[in-house]
Amino acid sequence: MASSNEMDIDPQSPPHTTTNGSTTTTATSQPAAAAATSSETRTSAGAVAVRSIEGWIILVTNVHEEASEEDLQELFGEYGEIKNLHMNLDRRTGYVKGYALVEYPTQREAKAAIEGASNSKLLDQTISVDYAFVRPPPSSKKGEAGAATHPPRGAGARGAR
């Protein structure tokens, strides 16, 4: 792989020697994590957008039920080469379920599509566009996040008295 949009970690600065011969480390002006996040692409909600295995996938919501793939190809083709376009249809009615996934080979094209097509009209309906995949926020401690929201196993209401 020639290029990757995964987070690169900056090398640590070398230790500095003081006059008494001991070694100390110096703080850099910007931590490595903060430097990496400044160049990361963010969603409208502030989450870090990540690349899928094959490309950059954007999620289009509030798609009109009678929209066709050609309508989406026409709208999103303006922003770059579309690698893949997926529209889920309702089995019963055959209409679009209200969302579509559009894949671009480069982040630049995906970002252009998000900025250009978000809040635009498609068949008299305003669509929303954002990245489909995001990196979850870092958790404070493993196990701590789930403990507060889920009851312990075996503590269900069925048969408990």
N, C-alpha and C. Protein backbone atom coordinates (compact mmCIF):
# COMPACT_ATOMS: atom_id res chain seq x y z
N MET A 1 0.84 -1.18 0.00
CA MET A 1 0.00 0.00 0.00
C MET A 1 0.88 1.24 0.00
N ALA A 2 0.67 2.07 -0.96
CA ALA A 2 1.49 3.26 -1.10
C ALA A 2 1.07 4.35 -0.13
N SER A 3 -0.22 4.56 0.02
CA SER A 3 -0.67 5.62 0.91
C SER A 3 -1.77 5.11 1.82
N SER A 4 -1.75 5.60 3.03
CA SER A 4 -2.76 5.20 4.00
C SER A 4 -3.21 6.44 4.73
N ASN A 5 -4.49 6.51 5.02
CA ASN A 5 -5.01 7.66 5.75
C ASN A 5 -5.19 7.32 7.22
N GLU A 6 -4.55 6.25 7.67
CA GLU A 6 -4.59 5.93 9.09
C GLU A 6 -3.71 6.92 9.82
N MET A 7 -3.90 7.01 11.11
CA MET A 7 -3.18 7.98 11.90
C MET A 7 -1.71 7.59 12.01
N ASP A 8 -0.81 8.46 11.61
CA ASP A 8 0.61 8.25 11.74
C ASP A 8 1.06 8.87 13.05
N ILE A 9 1.97 8.19 13.74
CA ILE A 9 2.46 8.68 15.02
C ILE A 9 3.81 9.33 14.79
N ASP A 10 3.96 10.55 15.28
CA ASP A 10 5.21 11.26 15.15
C ASP A 10 6.26 10.62 16.05
N PRO A 11 7.51 10.56 15.60
CA PRO A 11 8.55 9.99 16.46
C PRO A 11 8.77 10.88 17.67
N GLN A 12 9.20 10.24 18.77
CA GLN A 12 9.46 11.00 19.98
C GLN A 12 10.71 11.82 19.81
N SER A 13 10.76 12.94 20.50
CA SER A 13 11.97 13.75 20.45
C SER A 13 13.06 13.07 21.27
N PRO A 14 14.31 13.19 20.87
CA PRO A 14 15.38 12.51 21.59
C PRO A 14 15.58 13.15 22.95
N PRO A 15 16.07 12.36 23.92
CA PRO A 15 16.31 12.93 25.25
C PRO A 15 17.44 13.95 25.21
N HIS A 16 17.35 14.93 26.07
CA HIS A 16 18.37 15.97 26.14
C HIS A 16 19.22 15.75 27.39
N THR A 17 20.52 16.00 27.28
CA THR A 17 21.43 15.81 28.40
C THR A 17 21.66 17.16 29.06
N THR A 18 21.55 17.17 30.39
CA THR A 18 21.80 18.41 31.13
C THR A 18 23.27 18.49 31.48
N THR A 19 23.68 19.57 32.15
CA THR A 19 25.08 19.78 32.47
C THR A 19 25.61 18.79 33.49
N ASN A 20 24.75 18.24 34.35
CA ASN A 20 25.22 17.29 35.35
C ASN A 20 25.30 15.87 34.81
N GLY A 21 24.95 15.64 33.54
CA GLY A 21 25.08 14.34 32.92
C GLY A 21 23.83 13.50 32.94
N SER A 22 22.78 13.90 33.65
CA SER A 22 21.56 13.11 33.66
C SER A 22 20.75 13.40 32.41
N THR A 23 19.90 12.46 32.04
CA THR A 23 19.08 12.68 30.86
C THR A 23 17.67 13.07 31.27
N THR A 24 17.11 13.98 30.53
CA THR A 24 15.73 14.39 30.76
C THR A 24 15.03 14.45 29.41
N THR A 25 13.75 14.26 29.44
CA THR A 25 12.98 14.41 28.21
C THR A 25 12.30 15.75 28.24
N THR A 26 12.15 16.33 27.08
CA THR A 26 11.50 17.63 27.01
C THR A 26 10.13 17.47 26.40
N ALA A 27 9.22 18.31 26.80
CA ALA A 27 7.88 18.28 26.23
C ALA A 27 7.91 18.99 24.89
N THR A 28 7.23 18.41 23.92
CA THR A 28 7.16 19.07 22.62
C THR A 28 6.09 20.14 22.68
N SER A 29 6.14 21.03 21.72
CA SER A 29 5.17 22.12 21.71
C SER A 29 3.76 21.62 21.44
N GLN A 30 3.63 20.44 20.76
CA GLN A 30 2.32 19.89 20.47
C GLN A 30 2.42 18.38 20.62
N PRO A 31 1.60 17.74 21.47
CA PRO A 31 1.66 16.30 21.63
C PRO A 31 1.35 15.59 20.32
N ALA A 32 1.86 14.35 20.19
CA ALA A 32 1.67 13.59 18.95
C ALA A 32 0.19 13.35 18.66
N ALA A 33 -0.60 13.05 19.68
CA ALA A 33 -2.02 12.80 19.45
C ALA A 33 -2.74 14.05 18.97
N ALA A 34 -2.38 15.20 19.54
CA ALA A 34 -3.02 16.44 19.12
C ALA A 34 -2.59 16.82 17.71
N ALA A 35 -1.34 16.53 17.36
CA ALA A 35 -0.87 16.84 16.01
C ALA A 35 -1.59 15.98 14.99
N ALA A 36 -1.84 14.72 15.33
CA ALA A 36 -2.51 13.83 14.39
C ALA A 36 -3.97 14.22 14.21
N THR A 37 -4.63 14.64 15.29
CA THR A 37 -6.04 14.97 15.18
C THR A 37 -6.28 16.26 14.43
N SER A 38 -5.28 17.13 14.37
CA SER A 38 -5.50 18.39 13.66
C SER A 38 -5.65 18.17 12.16
N SER A 39 -5.09 17.08 11.62
CA SER A 39 -5.18 16.83 10.19
C SER A 39 -6.27 15.82 9.84
N GLU A 40 -6.98 15.30 10.83
CA GLU A 40 -8.00 14.30 10.57
C GLU A 40 -9.29 14.94 10.08
N THR A 41 -9.98 14.23 9.21
CA THR A 41 -11.25 14.70 8.68
C THR A 41 -12.34 14.39 9.70
N ARG A 42 -13.21 15.34 9.93
CA ARG A 42 -14.27 15.18 10.93
C ARG A 42 -15.64 15.20 10.25
N THR A 43 -16.60 14.53 10.88
CA THR A 43 -17.98 14.55 10.42
C THR A 43 -18.64 15.82 10.93
N SER A 44 -19.88 16.03 10.55
CA SER A 44 -20.59 17.22 11.02
C SER A 44 -20.82 17.17 12.53
N ALA A 45 -20.84 15.95 13.11
CA ALA A 45 -21.03 15.80 14.55
C ALA A 45 -19.70 15.86 15.31
N GLY A 46 -18.57 15.96 14.58
CA GLY A 46 -17.27 16.07 15.23
C GLY A 46 -16.52 14.76 15.36
N ALA A 47 -17.09 13.63 14.93
CA ALA A 47 -16.39 12.35 15.01
C ALA A 47 -15.33 12.28 13.91
N VAL A 48 -14.32 11.45 14.12
CA VAL A 48 -13.25 11.30 13.14
C VAL A 48 -13.68 10.33 12.05
N ALA A 49 -13.67 10.79 10.81
CA ALA A 49 -14.06 9.95 9.67
C ALA A 49 -12.92 8.98 9.34
N VAL A 50 -13.30 7.74 9.02
CA VAL A 50 -12.30 6.75 8.65
C VAL A 50 -12.64 6.13 7.29
N ARG A 51 -11.62 5.61 6.66
CA ARG A 51 -11.74 5.00 5.35
C ARG A 51 -12.19 3.56 5.51
N SER A 52 -13.04 3.10 4.59
CA SER A 52 -13.39 1.69 4.58
C SER A 52 -12.24 0.94 3.90
N ILE A 53 -12.39 -0.34 3.73
CA ILE A 53 -11.31 -1.14 3.15
C ILE A 53 -11.00 -0.70 1.72
N GLU A 54 -12.01 -0.37 0.95
CA GLU A 54 -11.80 -0.07 -0.46
C GLU A 54 -11.85 1.41 -0.81
N GLY A 55 -12.47 2.25 -0.01
CA GLY A 55 -12.58 3.66 -0.35
C GLY A 55 -13.28 4.44 0.75
N TRP A 56 -13.69 5.64 0.42
CA TRP A 56 -14.38 6.53 1.35
C TRP A 56 -15.87 6.46 1.06
N ILE A 57 -16.64 6.03 2.04
CA ILE A 57 -18.08 5.85 1.86
C ILE A 57 -18.83 6.96 2.58
N ILE A 58 -19.76 7.57 1.83
CA ILE A 58 -20.60 8.61 2.43
C ILE A 58 -22.03 8.09 2.51
N LEU A 59 -22.74 8.57 3.51
CA LEU A 59 -24.12 8.18 3.74
C LEU A 59 -25.02 9.34 3.34
N VAL A 60 -25.96 9.06 2.47
CA VAL A 60 -26.92 10.06 2.02
C VAL A 60 -28.26 9.72 2.65
N THR A 61 -28.82 10.61 3.44
CA THR A 61 -30.10 10.35 4.11
C THR A 61 -31.18 11.28 3.59
N ASN A 62 -32.42 10.91 3.87
CA ASN A 62 -33.62 11.63 3.44
C ASN A 62 -33.76 11.59 1.91
N VAL A 63 -33.38 10.44 1.33
CA VAL A 63 -33.51 10.26 -0.11
C VAL A 63 -34.97 9.98 -0.43
N HIS A 64 -35.50 10.65 -1.42
CA HIS A 64 -36.89 10.49 -1.82
C HIS A 64 -37.15 9.04 -2.21
N GLU A 65 -38.32 8.53 -1.87
CA GLU A 65 -38.64 7.12 -2.12
C GLU A 65 -38.68 6.76 -3.60
N GLU A 66 -38.88 7.73 -4.46
CA GLU A 66 -38.93 7.45 -5.89
C GLU A 66 -37.63 7.81 -6.62
N ALA A 67 -36.57 8.10 -5.87
CA ALA A 67 -35.29 8.42 -6.48
C ALA A 67 -34.71 7.17 -7.13
N SER A 68 -33.97 7.36 -8.20
CA SER A 68 -33.34 6.23 -8.88
C SER A 68 -31.82 6.32 -8.74
N GLU A 69 -31.15 5.23 -9.09
CA GLU A 69 -29.69 5.25 -9.07
C GLU A 69 -29.15 6.30 -10.02
N GLU A 70 -29.83 6.50 -11.13
CA GLU A 70 -29.39 7.50 -12.09
C GLU A 70 -29.44 8.91 -11.50
N ASP A 71 -30.47 9.18 -10.69
CA ASP A 71 -30.57 10.49 -10.03
C ASP A 71 -29.36 10.72 -9.13
N LEU A 72 -29.01 9.69 -8.36
CA LEU A 72 -27.87 9.82 -7.46
C LEU A 72 -26.55 9.85 -8.23
N GLN A 73 -26.43 9.06 -9.29
CA GLN A 73 -25.22 9.08 -10.12
C GLN A 73 -25.00 10.48 -10.70
N GLU A 74 -26.07 11.07 -11.15
CA GLU A 74 -26.00 12.41 -11.75
C GLU A 74 -25.57 13.45 -10.72
N LEU A 75 -26.17 13.39 -9.53
CA LEU A 75 -25.86 14.37 -8.49
C LEU A 75 -24.45 14.18 -7.95
N PHE A 76 -24.09 12.96 -7.57
CA PHE A 76 -22.80 12.73 -6.91
C PHE A 76 -21.65 12.50 -7.88
N GLY A 77 -21.95 12.26 -9.15
CA GLY A 77 -20.90 12.13 -10.16
C GLY A 77 -20.17 13.43 -10.43
N GLU A 78 -20.79 14.55 -10.07
CA GLU A 78 -20.16 15.86 -10.24
C GLU A 78 -18.93 16.02 -9.35
N TYR A 79 -18.84 15.27 -8.27
CA TYR A 79 -17.78 15.47 -7.28
C TYR A 79 -16.62 14.49 -7.43
N GLY A 80 -16.73 13.54 -8.34
CA GLY A 80 -15.64 12.60 -8.56
C GLY A 80 -16.15 11.27 -9.08
N GLU A 81 -15.22 10.34 -9.26
CA GLU A 81 -15.56 9.01 -9.75
C GLU A 81 -16.25 8.21 -8.66
N ILE A 82 -17.43 7.72 -8.94
CA ILE A 82 -18.17 6.90 -7.98
C ILE A 82 -17.73 5.46 -8.18
N LYS A 83 -17.15 4.87 -7.12
CA LYS A 83 -16.71 3.48 -7.18
C LYS A 83 -17.88 2.53 -7.01
N ASN A 84 -18.81 2.89 -6.14
CA ASN A 84 -19.93 2.02 -5.83
C ASN A 84 -21.09 2.87 -5.33
N LEU A 85 -22.29 2.48 -5.68
CA LEU A 85 -23.50 3.17 -5.23
C LEU A 85 -24.49 2.11 -4.78
N HIS A 86 -24.98 2.25 -3.56
CA HIS A 86 -25.90 1.24 -3.04
C HIS A 86 -27.14 1.92 -2.47
N MET A 87 -28.31 1.50 -3.00
CA MET A 87 -29.59 2.00 -2.50
C MET A 87 -30.42 0.80 -2.04
N ASN A 88 -30.82 0.80 -0.78
CA ASN A 88 -31.69 -0.28 -0.30
C ASN A 88 -33.12 0.01 -0.69
N LEU A 89 -33.81 -1.02 -1.15
CA LEU A 89 -35.22 -0.89 -1.53
C LEU A 89 -36.07 -1.68 -0.56
N ASP A 90 -37.26 -1.16 -0.28
CA ASP A 90 -38.23 -1.86 0.55
C ASP A 90 -38.76 -3.05 -0.24
N ARG A 91 -38.74 -4.23 0.34
CA ARG A 91 -39.18 -5.43 -0.37
C ARG A 91 -40.66 -5.38 -0.74
N ARG A 92 -41.44 -4.84 0.14
CA ARG A 92 -42.89 -4.82 -0.09
C ARG A 92 -43.28 -3.81 -1.16
N THR A 93 -42.76 -2.60 -1.07
CA THR A 93 -43.19 -1.54 -1.98
C THR A 93 -42.27 -1.37 -3.19
N GLY A 94 -41.00 -1.73 -3.06
CA GLY A 94 -40.04 -1.53 -4.14
C GLY A 94 -39.45 -0.13 -4.16
N TYR A 95 -39.85 0.72 -3.21
CA TYR A 95 -39.33 2.08 -3.15
C TYR A 95 -38.05 2.13 -2.32
N VAL A 96 -37.28 3.22 -2.50
CA VAL A 96 -36.06 3.44 -1.74
C VAL A 96 -36.41 3.61 -0.27
N LYS A 97 -35.57 3.02 0.59
CA LYS A 97 -35.83 3.10 2.03
C LYS A 97 -35.53 4.47 2.63
N GLY A 98 -34.87 5.34 1.90
CA GLY A 98 -34.62 6.68 2.41
C GLY A 98 -33.16 7.01 2.59
N TYR A 99 -32.27 6.07 2.26
CA TYR A 99 -30.84 6.36 2.37
C TYR A 99 -30.10 5.65 1.25
N ALA A 100 -28.87 6.10 1.02
CA ALA A 100 -28.00 5.49 0.02
C ALA A 100 -26.56 5.61 0.49
N LEU A 101 -25.73 4.71 0.02
CA LEU A 101 -24.30 4.73 0.31
C LEU A 101 -23.56 4.96 -1.00
N VAL A 102 -22.67 5.94 -1.00
CA VAL A 102 -21.89 6.27 -2.18
C VAL A 102 -20.42 6.15 -1.82
N GLU A 103 -19.66 5.40 -2.63
CA GLU A 103 -18.24 5.18 -2.34
C GLU A 103 -17.38 5.90 -3.37
N TYR A 104 -16.39 6.63 -2.85
CA TYR A 104 -15.41 7.32 -3.68
C TYR A 104 -14.03 6.74 -3.41
N PRO A 105 -13.14 6.73 -4.41
CA PRO A 105 -11.80 6.19 -4.18
C PRO A 105 -10.91 7.09 -3.33
N THR A 106 -11.15 8.40 -3.32
CA THR A 106 -10.29 9.31 -2.56
C THR A 106 -11.09 10.12 -1.55
N GLN A 107 -10.41 10.51 -0.51
CA GLN A 107 -11.04 11.33 0.53
C GLN A 107 -11.41 12.70 -0.02
N ARG A 108 -10.60 13.23 -0.92
CA ARG A 108 -10.87 14.54 -1.50
C ARG A 108 -12.22 14.56 -2.21
N GLU A 109 -12.52 13.50 -2.97
CA GLU A 109 -13.79 13.43 -3.69
C GLU A 109 -14.97 13.28 -2.72
N ALA A 110 -14.79 12.44 -1.69
CA ALA A 110 -15.85 12.25 -0.70
C ALA A 110 -16.13 13.55 0.04
N LYS A 111 -15.08 14.25 0.42
CA LYS A 111 -15.26 15.52 1.14
C LYS A 111 -15.95 16.55 0.26
N ALA A 112 -15.59 16.59 -1.02
CA ALA A 112 -16.23 17.52 -1.96
C ALA A 112 -17.71 17.21 -2.10
N ALA A 113 -18.05 15.92 -2.14
CA ALA A 113 -19.46 15.52 -2.25
C ALA A 113 -20.23 15.90 -0.99
N ILE A 114 -19.63 15.71 0.16
CA ILE A 114 -20.30 16.06 1.42
C ILE A 114 -20.55 17.57 1.48
N GLU A 115 -19.52 18.33 1.17
CA GLU A 115 -19.66 19.79 1.24
C GLU A 115 -20.60 20.32 0.17
N GLY A 116 -20.57 19.72 -1.02
CA GLY A 116 -21.38 20.23 -2.12
C GLY A 116 -22.82 19.78 -2.12
N ALA A 117 -23.07 18.53 -1.70
CA ALA A 117 -24.43 17.99 -1.81
C ALA A 117 -25.22 18.05 -0.51
N SER A 118 -24.57 18.29 0.61
CA SER A 118 -25.29 18.34 1.88
C SER A 118 -26.28 19.51 1.86
N ASN A 119 -27.48 19.25 2.30
CA ASN A 119 -28.58 20.22 2.34
C ASN A 119 -29.00 20.69 0.95
N SER A 120 -28.76 19.86 -0.08
CA SER A 120 -29.24 20.19 -1.42
C SER A 120 -30.53 19.43 -1.68
N LYS A 121 -31.21 19.77 -2.75
CA LYS A 121 -32.50 19.16 -3.09
C LYS A 121 -32.30 18.02 -4.08
N LEU A 122 -32.99 16.91 -3.81
CA LEU A 122 -33.06 15.79 -4.73
C LEU A 122 -34.52 15.38 -4.80
N LEU A 123 -35.14 15.59 -5.93
CA LEU A 123 -36.58 15.34 -6.10
C LEU A 123 -37.41 16.05 -5.04
N ASP A 124 -37.16 17.33 -4.87
CA ASP A 124 -37.89 18.19 -3.93
C ASP A 124 -37.75 17.79 -2.46
N GLN A 125 -36.71 17.03 -2.12
CA GLN A 125 -36.44 16.69 -0.73
C GLN A 125 -35.00 17.08 -0.41
N THR A 126 -34.80 17.72 0.75
CA THR A 126 -33.47 18.12 1.16
C THR A 126 -32.73 16.92 1.73
N ILE A 127 -31.58 16.60 1.14
CA ILE A 127 -30.81 15.44 1.59
C ILE A 127 -29.70 15.88 2.54
N SER A 128 -29.28 14.95 3.39
CA SER A 128 -28.14 15.17 4.27
C SER A 128 -27.05 14.20 3.86
N VAL A 129 -25.82 14.65 3.90
CA VAL A 129 -24.69 13.82 3.47
C VAL A 129 -23.58 13.93 4.51
N ASP A 130 -23.01 12.78 4.88
CA ASP A 130 -21.89 12.75 5.83
C ASP A 130 -21.14 11.44 5.66
N TYR A 131 -19.99 11.32 6.32
CA TYR A 131 -19.21 10.09 6.25
C TYR A 131 -19.98 8.94 6.90
N ALA A 132 -19.87 7.75 6.30
CA ALA A 132 -20.59 6.59 6.82
C ALA A 132 -19.85 5.94 7.98
N PHE A 133 -18.52 5.96 7.95
CA PHE A 133 -17.73 5.29 8.99
C PHE A 133 -16.95 6.31 9.79
N VAL A 134 -17.00 6.15 11.11
CA VAL A 134 -16.26 7.04 12.01
C VAL A 134 -15.54 6.20 13.05
N ARG A 135 -14.49 6.78 13.59
CA ARG A 135 -13.75 6.13 14.67
C ARG A 135 -14.45 6.44 15.98
N PRO A 136 -14.69 5.42 16.80
CA PRO A 136 -15.37 5.70 18.08
C PRO A 136 -14.48 6.54 18.99
N PRO A 137 -15.10 7.32 19.87
CA PRO A 137 -14.29 8.13 20.79
C PRO A 137 -13.55 7.23 21.76
N PRO A 138 -12.38 7.64 22.24
CA PRO A 138 -11.64 6.81 23.19
C PRO A 138 -12.42 6.67 24.49
N SER A 139 -12.42 5.47 25.03
CA SER A 139 -13.12 5.25 26.30
C SER A 139 -12.15 5.50 27.44
N SER A 140 -12.70 5.90 28.60
CA SER A 140 -11.84 6.22 29.73
C SER A 140 -11.18 4.98 30.30
N LYS A 141 -11.95 3.93 30.60
CA LYS A 141 -11.40 2.67 31.11
C LYS A 141 -12.21 1.52 30.54
N LYS A 142 -11.56 0.42 30.25
CA LYS A 142 -12.25 -0.73 29.69
C LYS A 142 -13.24 -1.28 30.71
N GLY A 143 -14.46 -1.52 30.25
CA GLY A 143 -15.48 -2.08 31.13
C GLY A 143 -16.27 -1.05 31.88
N GLU A 144 -15.72 0.14 32.06
CA GLU A 144 -16.41 1.17 32.83
C GLU A 144 -17.62 1.73 32.08
N ALA A 145 -17.51 1.87 30.77
CA ALA A 145 -18.59 2.48 29.99
C ALA A 145 -19.83 1.59 29.97
N GLY A 146 -19.67 0.28 29.83
CA GLY A 146 -20.81 -0.62 29.75
C GLY A 146 -21.44 -0.92 31.09
N ALA A 147 -20.70 -0.75 32.16
CA ALA A 147 -21.22 -1.11 33.48
C ALA A 147 -22.38 -0.21 33.90
N ALA A 148 -22.34 1.03 33.52
CA ALA A 148 -23.38 1.96 33.96
C ALA A 148 -24.67 1.81 33.14
N THR A 149 -24.56 1.33 31.91
CA THR A 149 -25.74 1.29 31.06
C THR A 149 -26.42 -0.07 31.01
N HIS A 150 -25.71 -1.15 31.29
CA HIS A 150 -26.28 -2.49 31.20
C HIS A 150 -26.39 -3.12 32.58
N PRO A 151 -27.53 -3.78 32.89
CA PRO A 151 -27.63 -4.48 34.17
C PRO A 151 -26.70 -5.70 34.17
N PRO A 152 -26.31 -6.19 35.33
CA PRO A 152 -25.46 -7.37 35.38
C PRO A 152 -26.18 -8.57 34.77
N ARG A 153 -25.44 -9.49 34.25
CA ARG A 153 -26.03 -10.68 33.65
C ARG A 153 -26.79 -11.48 34.69
N GLY A 154 -27.93 -12.01 34.26
CA GLY A 154 -28.73 -12.81 35.16
C GLY A 154 -29.66 -12.00 36.04
N ALA A 155 -29.67 -10.69 35.89
CA ALA A 155 -30.50 -9.85 36.73
C ALA A 155 -31.74 -9.40 35.98
N GLY A 156 -32.18 -10.19 35.01
CA GLY A 156 -33.36 -9.81 34.24
C GLY A 156 -34.62 -9.91 35.05
N ALA A 157 -35.72 -9.37 34.54
CA ALA A 157 -36.98 -9.33 35.26
C ALA A 157 -37.72 -10.68 35.21
N ARG A 158 -37.38 -11.52 34.28
CA ARG A 158 -38.10 -12.78 34.10
C ARG A 158 -37.82 -13.73 35.27
N GLY A 159 -38.82 -14.05 36.04
CA GLY A 159 -38.70 -15.02 37.12
C GLY A 159 -37.99 -14.53 38.36
N ALA A 160 -37.51 -13.33 38.39
CA ALA A 160 -36.81 -12.81 39.56
C ALA A 160 -37.82 -12.31 40.57
N ARG A 161 -37.66 -12.76 41.83
CA ARG A 161 -38.55 -12.28 42.92
C ARG A 161 -37.76 -12.02 44.15
